[in-house]
Amino acid sequence: MSAKVTIQDIADALGISRNTVSKAINNTGVLADSTREKVLAKAAEMGYKQFSYVNPLNSSILDGASKKPIATGEIALFSGNFLGNAHFASTMLDKFQNEISNYGYSMTMHRISEDIIDNKVLPSSLNLERTKAIICVEMFNYEYCKMLSELEVPVLFVDAPYESYFHPLNADVLLMENTSGIFSLVEAMKNRGIKEIGYIGQKYHCRSFFERYLSYFNAMHHFGLDIKEDYIFTDINPHNEMYRPRLLDCLSKLEHLPDLFICANDFVCMDTLDCLGHLNLSCPKDTLLSGFDDSTESKLMTPTLTTIHIHSQVMGMTAANLILSRIQQPDMNYRTIYTETNLIYRESTSPSK
């Protein structure tokens, strides 16, 4: 056998196809867990060094150990905004921190101000020598994110600048699945005879907002529904102080409301509901509303909001997996991973009485 173990060598040793070994090592295609584990164990036994996928939660397969590897160092959290308890990332980061602590890593938190972003510098609070990886949440300035992705340290973006959709960053990206729930909602509404559907949310705010707008646009085309530009508000920035007056002004200028507004997230949906109230209009009587995120508030307000649920703990576990495997195998191909979301119907899309 040659000094450098190949995929074919592993396949020959196990009596299986080269394609099966490739799927196991590269984590592609569909394989039984037992087959994948057998291949990874044999690869480790034979000294195969070119893993492009390592699952740190099962790393004992690769190193022959019976317990999780213990490391030292810090994983830095960069955030452009305050992540309150209502933000989906709050639960996600709690799970993430718990998982990385099992491997000996601590998490440091760094608020990235506009000055830091404008000057393209790292926060002074960061100890780069101790930092083994960076996880970015609510970081949407493309040039700054590009600078981070060119550092000699692994970077994971949870959501990302919208430009990364067509100009990928040299980093892993974790997103919630932004398409199927919107398609399901549009199809269900069409089946109920609801055909005039608008969209509210700045499409260039972040990659998720961009994908949600594309999902709305594609769903309307797919189900043969007309898209009316008067019902689409995608240039209203929720971080601008004139956001609410602009939204109110846009709604007030409509001769009549669409049957439904799909909103980029629950908080845009709540702002829309508030503006409707100022116009003596209501939901679901005058128009239906749907959001995204399944925030705590979406269950408590009147009417309760139809929304799309994000599995925050699954995102936390996945984020830990991505970061830890990247630390172990820094040369593997960059990955963009989506976690499942689920459409939840509530009162805001119920037929009015």
Protein backbone atom coordinates (compact mmCIF):
# COMPACT_ATOMS: atom_id res chain seq x y z
CA MET A 1 0.00 0.00 0.00
CA SER A 2 1.28 3.48 -0.79
CA ALA A 3 2.42 5.80 1.98
CA LYS A 4 -0.54 8.09 1.33
CA VAL A 5 -3.83 6.28 2.00
CA THR A 6 -6.45 6.88 -0.68
CA ILE A 7 -10.22 6.52 -0.79
CA GLN A 8 -9.74 3.48 -3.03
CA ASP A 9 -7.49 1.87 -0.39
CA ILE A 10 -10.25 2.25 2.21
CA ALA A 11 -12.87 0.91 -0.21
CA ASP A 12 -10.72 -2.15 -0.97
CA ALA A 13 -10.13 -2.83 2.72
CA LEU A 14 -13.86 -2.77 3.46
CA GLY A 15 -14.99 -4.45 0.27
CA ILE A 16 -17.30 -1.59 -0.66
CA SER A 17 -17.43 0.92 -3.50
CA ARG A 18 -15.19 3.97 -3.76
CA ASN A 19 -18.35 6.09 -4.08
CA THR A 20 -19.64 4.88 -0.70
CA VAL A 21 -16.35 5.77 0.99
CA SER A 22 -16.37 9.20 -0.66
CA LYS A 23 -19.92 9.87 0.57
CA ALA A 24 -18.97 8.94 4.14
CA ILE A 25 -15.80 11.02 4.25
CA ASN A 26 -17.30 14.07 2.51
CA ASN A 27 -20.69 13.80 4.27
CA THR A 28 -22.60 13.80 0.98
CA GLY A 29 -25.44 11.66 -0.25
CA VAL A 30 -27.49 9.26 1.87
CA LEU A 31 -25.80 6.55 3.92
CA ALA A 32 -26.80 4.48 6.91
CA ASP A 33 -25.18 5.80 10.10
CA SER A 34 -23.57 2.40 10.69
CA THR A 35 -21.97 2.46 7.23
CA ARG A 36 -20.69 6.01 7.68
CA GLU A 37 -19.21 5.18 11.09
CA LYS A 38 -17.57 2.00 9.74
CA VAL A 39 -15.94 3.96 6.92
CA LEU A 40 -14.72 6.75 9.20
CA ALA A 41 -13.32 4.27 11.70
CA LYS A 42 -11.46 2.35 8.98
CA ALA A 43 -10.15 5.62 7.50
CA ALA A 44 -8.79 6.66 10.89
CA GLU A 45 -7.30 3.21 11.48
CA MET A 46 -5.49 3.32 8.13
CA GLY A 47 -4.17 6.83 8.74
CA TYR A 48 -6.23 8.65 6.11
CA LYS A 49 -5.56 12.38 6.62
CA GLN A 50 -7.75 14.15 4.05
CA PHE A 51 -11.09 14.32 5.87
CA SER A 52 -13.24 17.11 4.52
CA TYR A 53 -15.91 16.43 7.15
CA VAL A 54 -15.51 15.70 10.82
CA ASN A 55 -18.36 15.52 13.28
CA PRO A 56 -16.85 16.61 16.58
CA LEU A 57 -19.80 15.18 18.47
CA ASN A 58 -18.68 11.74 17.25
CA SER A 59 -14.96 12.46 17.11
CA SER A 60 -14.17 9.32 19.09
CA ILE A 61 -14.65 7.45 15.79
CA LEU A 62 -11.67 9.29 14.39
CA ASP A 63 -9.27 9.40 17.32
CA GLY A 64 -10.09 6.10 18.96
CA ALA A 65 -11.06 7.83 22.19
CA SER A 66 -14.14 6.98 24.22
CA LYS A 67 -14.74 10.52 25.41
CA LYS A 68 -14.99 14.01 23.94
CA PRO A 69 -11.68 15.76 23.25
CA ILE A 70 -10.90 18.57 25.66
CA ALA A 71 -9.37 21.74 24.26
CA THR A 72 -8.59 25.15 25.64
CA GLY A 73 -9.18 28.59 24.23
CA GLU A 74 -11.96 31.02 23.46
CA ILE A 75 -14.63 31.24 20.82
CA ALA A 76 -15.52 34.89 20.26
CA LEU A 77 -19.09 36.03 19.67
CA PHE A 78 -19.34 39.12 17.47
CA SER A 79 -22.70 40.86 17.34
CA GLY A 80 -23.75 44.10 15.71
CA ASN A 81 -26.89 44.44 17.84
CA PHE A 82 -28.11 43.70 21.34
CA LEU A 83 -29.56 40.18 21.38
CA GLY A 84 -32.49 40.36 23.78
CA ASN A 85 -34.45 37.40 25.09
CA ALA A 86 -37.02 37.83 22.29
CA HIS A 87 -34.34 37.30 19.61
CA PHE A 88 -34.11 33.74 18.27
CA ALA A 89 -30.33 33.86 18.76
CA SER A 90 -30.69 34.11 22.55
CA THR A 91 -31.78 30.48 22.89
CA MET A 92 -29.44 29.41 20.11
CA LEU A 93 -26.39 30.91 21.83
CA ASP A 94 -27.30 29.34 25.16
CA LYS A 95 -27.25 25.92 23.51
CA PHE A 96 -24.08 26.81 21.57
CA GLN A 97 -22.23 27.90 24.71
CA ASN A 98 -23.25 24.73 26.52
CA GLU A 99 -21.99 22.54 23.68
CA ILE A 100 -18.60 24.22 23.23
CA SER A 101 -18.01 24.20 27.00
CA ASN A 102 -18.20 20.40 26.87
CA TYR A 103 -15.07 20.54 24.74
CA GLY A 104 -13.19 22.95 26.96
CA TYR A 105 -13.90 26.19 25.08
CA SER A 106 -15.23 29.36 26.67
CA MET A 107 -17.20 32.06 24.86
CA THR A 108 -16.32 35.75 24.92
CA MET A 109 -18.79 38.40 23.78
CA HIS A 110 -17.90 41.47 21.73
CA ARG A 111 -20.29 44.23 20.65
CA ILE A 112 -19.20 45.44 17.21
CA SER A 113 -19.96 49.15 16.96
CA GLU A 114 -20.42 51.18 13.78
CA ASP A 115 -16.99 52.77 14.34
CA ILE A 116 -15.34 49.34 14.47
CA ILE A 117 -17.14 48.35 11.28
CA ASP A 118 -16.34 51.58 9.45
CA ASN A 119 -12.63 51.31 10.34
CA LYS A 120 -12.51 47.56 9.64
CA VAL A 121 -10.72 46.78 12.90
CA LEU A 122 -11.12 44.07 15.49
CA PRO A 123 -12.60 45.03 18.88
CA SER A 124 -9.97 45.98 21.46
CA SER A 125 -11.55 43.49 23.88
CA LEU A 126 -10.55 40.55 21.63
CA ASN A 127 -7.53 38.44 22.57
CA LEU A 128 -6.71 37.03 19.15
CA GLU A 129 -4.01 34.71 20.49
CA ARG A 130 -6.53 32.87 22.64
CA THR A 131 -9.34 33.01 20.08
CA LYS A 132 -9.81 29.71 18.25
CA ALA A 133 -12.84 30.78 16.20
CA ILE A 134 -15.35 33.60 15.74
CA ILE A 135 -19.13 33.24 15.54
CA CYS A 136 -20.97 36.25 14.07
CA VAL A 137 -24.63 37.02 14.82
CA GLU A 138 -26.43 40.07 13.35
CA MET A 139 -23.32 41.02 11.37
CA PHE A 140 -24.50 42.25 7.98
CA ASN A 141 -21.87 44.67 6.67
CA TYR A 142 -20.40 42.74 3.76
CA GLU A 143 -16.99 44.45 3.64
CA TYR A 144 -16.44 43.96 7.37
CA CYS A 145 -17.57 40.32 7.18
CA LYS A 146 -15.25 39.80 4.22
CA MET A 147 -12.37 41.18 6.30
CA LEU A 148 -13.21 38.75 9.13
CA SER A 149 -13.40 35.81 6.74
CA GLU A 150 -9.85 36.54 5.57
CA LEU A 151 -8.37 36.24 9.08
CA GLU A 152 -6.35 33.16 9.93
CA VAL A 153 -9.06 31.99 12.33
CA PRO A 154 -12.24 30.02 11.57
CA VAL A 155 -15.38 32.18 11.21
CA LEU A 156 -19.04 31.13 11.29
CA PHE A 157 -21.80 33.51 10.24
CA VAL A 158 -25.25 32.89 11.69
CA ASP A 159 -27.23 34.59 8.95
CA ALA A 160 -25.04 36.81 6.80
CA PRO A 161 -24.95 39.88 4.56
CA TYR A 162 -27.33 39.53 1.62
CA GLU A 163 -24.37 39.88 -0.78
CA SER A 164 -23.07 36.50 0.41
CA TYR A 165 -25.96 34.94 -1.51
CA PHE A 166 -24.04 35.63 -4.75
CA HIS A 167 -20.56 36.62 -3.45
CA PRO A 168 -19.72 33.82 -0.98
CA LEU A 169 -17.51 34.54 2.02
CA ASN A 170 -14.54 32.38 2.97
CA ALA A 171 -16.43 31.06 5.97
CA ASP A 172 -19.16 28.69 7.03
CA VAL A 173 -22.72 30.07 7.06
CA LEU A 174 -25.64 28.85 9.16
CA LEU A 175 -29.17 29.87 8.19
CA MET A 176 -32.72 28.98 9.03
CA GLU A 177 -34.63 27.52 6.06
CA ASN A 178 -36.41 30.52 4.51
CA THR A 179 -38.37 29.03 1.61
CA SER A 180 -40.76 26.15 2.27
CA GLY A 181 -42.93 27.88 4.88
CA ILE A 182 -43.59 30.85 2.59
CA PHE A 183 -44.40 28.55 -0.33
CA SER A 184 -46.78 26.53 1.86
CA LEU A 185 -48.49 29.69 3.10
CA VAL A 186 -48.99 31.14 -0.40
CA GLU A 187 -50.37 27.83 -1.66
CA ALA A 188 -52.78 27.53 1.28
CA MET A 189 -53.98 31.11 0.84
CA LYS A 190 -54.55 30.59 -2.89
CA ASN A 191 -56.65 27.51 -2.09
CA ARG A 192 -58.79 29.72 0.16
CA GLY A 193 -59.29 32.23 -2.66
CA ILE A 194 -56.79 34.72 -1.24
CA LYS A 195 -54.83 35.94 -4.25
CA GLU A 196 -53.74 39.51 -3.54
CA ILE A 197 -50.65 39.08 -1.40
CA GLY A 198 -48.12 41.78 -0.52
CA TYR A 199 -44.73 41.74 1.18
CA ILE A 200 -43.19 44.03 3.81
CA GLY A 201 -39.53 43.95 4.83
CA GLN A 202 -36.27 45.49 3.68
CA LYS A 203 -34.99 42.84 1.29
CA TYR A 204 -31.34 43.93 1.60
CA HIS A 205 -31.24 43.96 5.40
CA CYS A 206 -29.60 40.51 5.60
CA ARG A 207 -29.40 37.25 3.72
CA SER A 208 -32.45 35.76 5.44
CA PHE A 209 -34.60 38.77 4.55
CA PHE A 210 -33.29 38.58 0.98
CA GLU A 211 -34.14 34.87 0.75
CA ARG A 212 -37.59 35.42 2.26
CA TYR A 213 -38.37 38.09 -0.32
CA LEU A 214 -37.15 35.78 -3.11
CA SER A 215 -39.31 33.01 -1.66
CA TYR A 216 -42.38 35.27 -1.73
CA PHE A 217 -41.60 36.37 -5.29
CA ASN A 218 -40.99 32.81 -6.52
CA ALA A 219 -44.03 31.40 -4.73
CA MET A 220 -46.31 34.00 -6.29
CA HIS A 221 -44.99 33.10 -9.75
CA HIS A 222 -45.13 29.37 -9.09
CA PHE A 223 -48.78 29.45 -8.02
CA GLY A 224 -49.81 31.80 -10.80
CA LEU A 225 -50.62 34.85 -8.67
CA ASP A 226 -50.13 38.41 -9.85
CA ILE A 227 -47.48 40.47 -8.06
CA LYS A 228 -48.64 44.04 -7.55
CA GLU A 229 -45.82 46.48 -6.89
CA ASP A 230 -48.12 48.72 -4.82
CA TYR A 231 -48.29 45.93 -2.23
CA ILE A 232 -44.52 45.44 -1.91
CA PHE A 233 -42.59 47.56 0.62
CA THR A 234 -38.97 46.41 0.51
CA ASP A 235 -37.06 49.68 0.91
CA ILE A 236 -38.16 50.58 4.45
CA ASN A 237 -35.24 50.23 6.87
CA PRO A 238 -36.38 49.08 10.35
CA HIS A 239 -33.19 50.59 11.84
CA ASN A 240 -33.97 54.05 10.49
CA GLU A 241 -35.73 56.47 12.83
CA MET A 242 -38.23 57.27 10.05
CA TYR A 243 -39.14 53.60 9.62
CA ARG A 244 -42.54 53.68 11.34
CA PRO A 245 -43.69 56.96 9.72
CA ARG A 246 -42.61 55.60 6.31
CA LEU A 247 -44.51 52.35 6.86
CA LEU A 248 -47.60 54.24 8.02
CA ASP A 249 -47.37 56.55 5.02
CA CYS A 250 -47.08 53.64 2.56
CA LEU A 251 -50.11 51.88 4.05
CA SER A 252 -52.19 55.06 4.13
CA LYS A 253 -51.63 55.66 0.42
CA LEU A 254 -53.13 52.32 -0.64
CA GLU A 255 -56.59 52.61 -2.18
CA HIS A 256 -57.33 49.21 -0.72
CA LEU A 257 -55.30 46.63 1.18
CA PRO A 258 -54.23 43.27 -0.22
CA ASP A 259 -55.80 40.13 1.19
CA LEU A 260 -52.56 39.29 3.01
CA PHE A 261 -49.23 40.87 3.87
CA ILE A 262 -46.29 38.49 4.33
CA CYS A 263 -43.78 40.22 6.63
CA ALA A 264 -40.04 39.59 6.81
CA ASN A 265 -40.23 38.80 10.53
CA ASP A 266 -42.61 39.01 13.48
CA PHE A 267 -41.47 42.47 14.55
CA VAL A 268 -42.15 43.93 11.09
CA CYS A 269 -45.52 42.21 11.33
CA MET A 270 -46.22 43.80 14.72
CA ASP A 271 -45.24 47.25 13.43
CA THR A 272 -47.59 46.74 10.48
CA LEU A 273 -50.41 45.79 12.82
CA ASP A 274 -49.76 48.91 14.90
CA CYS A 275 -49.82 51.13 11.78
CA LEU A 276 -53.09 49.55 10.69
CA GLY A 277 -54.54 50.49 14.07
CA HIS A 278 -53.56 54.13 13.50
CA LEU A 279 -55.54 53.96 10.24
CA ASN A 280 -58.59 52.46 12.02
CA LEU A 281 -57.97 49.17 10.25
CA SER A 282 -57.49 45.77 11.83
CA CYS A 283 -56.32 42.21 11.27
CA PRO A 284 -57.83 39.81 10.27
CA LYS A 285 -60.91 41.92 9.40
CA ASP A 286 -59.29 44.27 6.85
CA THR A 287 -56.20 42.24 5.90
CA LEU A 288 -54.36 39.14 7.03
CA LEU A 289 -50.78 39.17 8.34
CA SER A 290 -48.01 36.61 8.70
CA GLY A 291 -44.53 36.89 10.18
CA PHE A 292 -41.37 34.84 10.64
CA ASP A 293 -39.37 33.71 13.72
CA ASP A 294 -42.17 32.62 16.10
CA SER A 295 -41.09 35.16 18.69
CA THR A 296 -42.53 35.05 22.21
CA GLU A 297 -44.59 38.15 21.44
CA SER A 298 -46.22 36.47 18.43
CA LYS A 299 -48.09 34.12 20.79
CA LEU A 300 -49.20 36.82 23.23
CA MET A 301 -50.48 39.67 21.06
CA THR A 302 -53.98 40.11 19.66
CA PRO A 303 -54.45 38.63 17.17
CA THR A 304 -51.86 35.91 17.67
CA LEU A 305 -49.55 35.82 14.67
CA THR A 306 -49.26 33.22 11.96
CA THR A 307 -45.50 32.79 11.70
CA ILE A 308 -42.67 30.42 10.82
CA HIS A 309 -40.95 28.73 13.75
CA ILE A 310 -37.15 28.67 13.98
CA HIS A 311 -35.67 25.74 15.93
CA SER A 312 -33.16 27.79 17.91
CA GLN A 313 -31.68 24.92 19.92
CA VAL A 314 -31.08 22.93 16.73
CA MET A 315 -29.32 25.99 15.32
CA GLY A 316 -27.18 26.17 18.47
CA MET A 317 -26.18 22.52 18.18
CA THR A 318 -25.45 22.92 14.48
CA ALA A 319 -23.40 26.07 15.08
CA ALA A 320 -21.26 24.20 17.62
CA ASN A 321 -20.80 21.31 15.19
CA LEU A 322 -19.72 23.66 12.41
CA ILE A 323 -17.28 25.61 14.59
CA LEU A 324 -15.70 22.59 16.29
CA SER A 325 -15.27 20.64 13.06
CA ARG A 326 -13.77 23.73 11.39
CA ILE A 327 -11.25 24.10 14.24
CA GLN A 328 -10.25 20.45 13.79
CA GLN A 329 -10.19 20.54 9.99
CA PRO A 330 -9.53 24.15 8.86
CA ASP A 331 -8.86 23.17 5.23
CA MET A 332 -12.21 21.53 4.46
CA ASN A 333 -14.57 23.13 1.95
CA TYR A 334 -16.77 25.94 3.27
CA ARG A 335 -20.33 24.93 4.13
CA THR A 336 -23.70 26.66 4.04
CA ILE A 337 -26.15 24.82 6.28
CA TYR A 338 -29.91 25.37 6.65
CA THR A 339 -31.91 24.15 9.64
CA GLU A 340 -35.58 23.22 9.49
CA THR A 341 -38.38 25.75 10.01
CA ASN A 342 -42.12 25.13 10.39
CA LEU A 343 -45.17 27.17 9.40
CA ILE A 344 -47.56 27.83 12.32
CA TYR A 345 -51.09 29.11 11.63
CA ARG A 346 -52.70 31.43 14.18
CA GLU A 347 -55.42 34.05 14.34
CA SER A 348 -53.80 36.65 12.05
CA THR A 349 -54.61 34.51 8.97
CA SER A 350 -57.93 33.15 10.23
CA PRO A 351 -61.07 34.13 8.30
CA SER A 352 -62.61 37.25 9.88
CA LYS A 353 -65.93 36.77 11.58
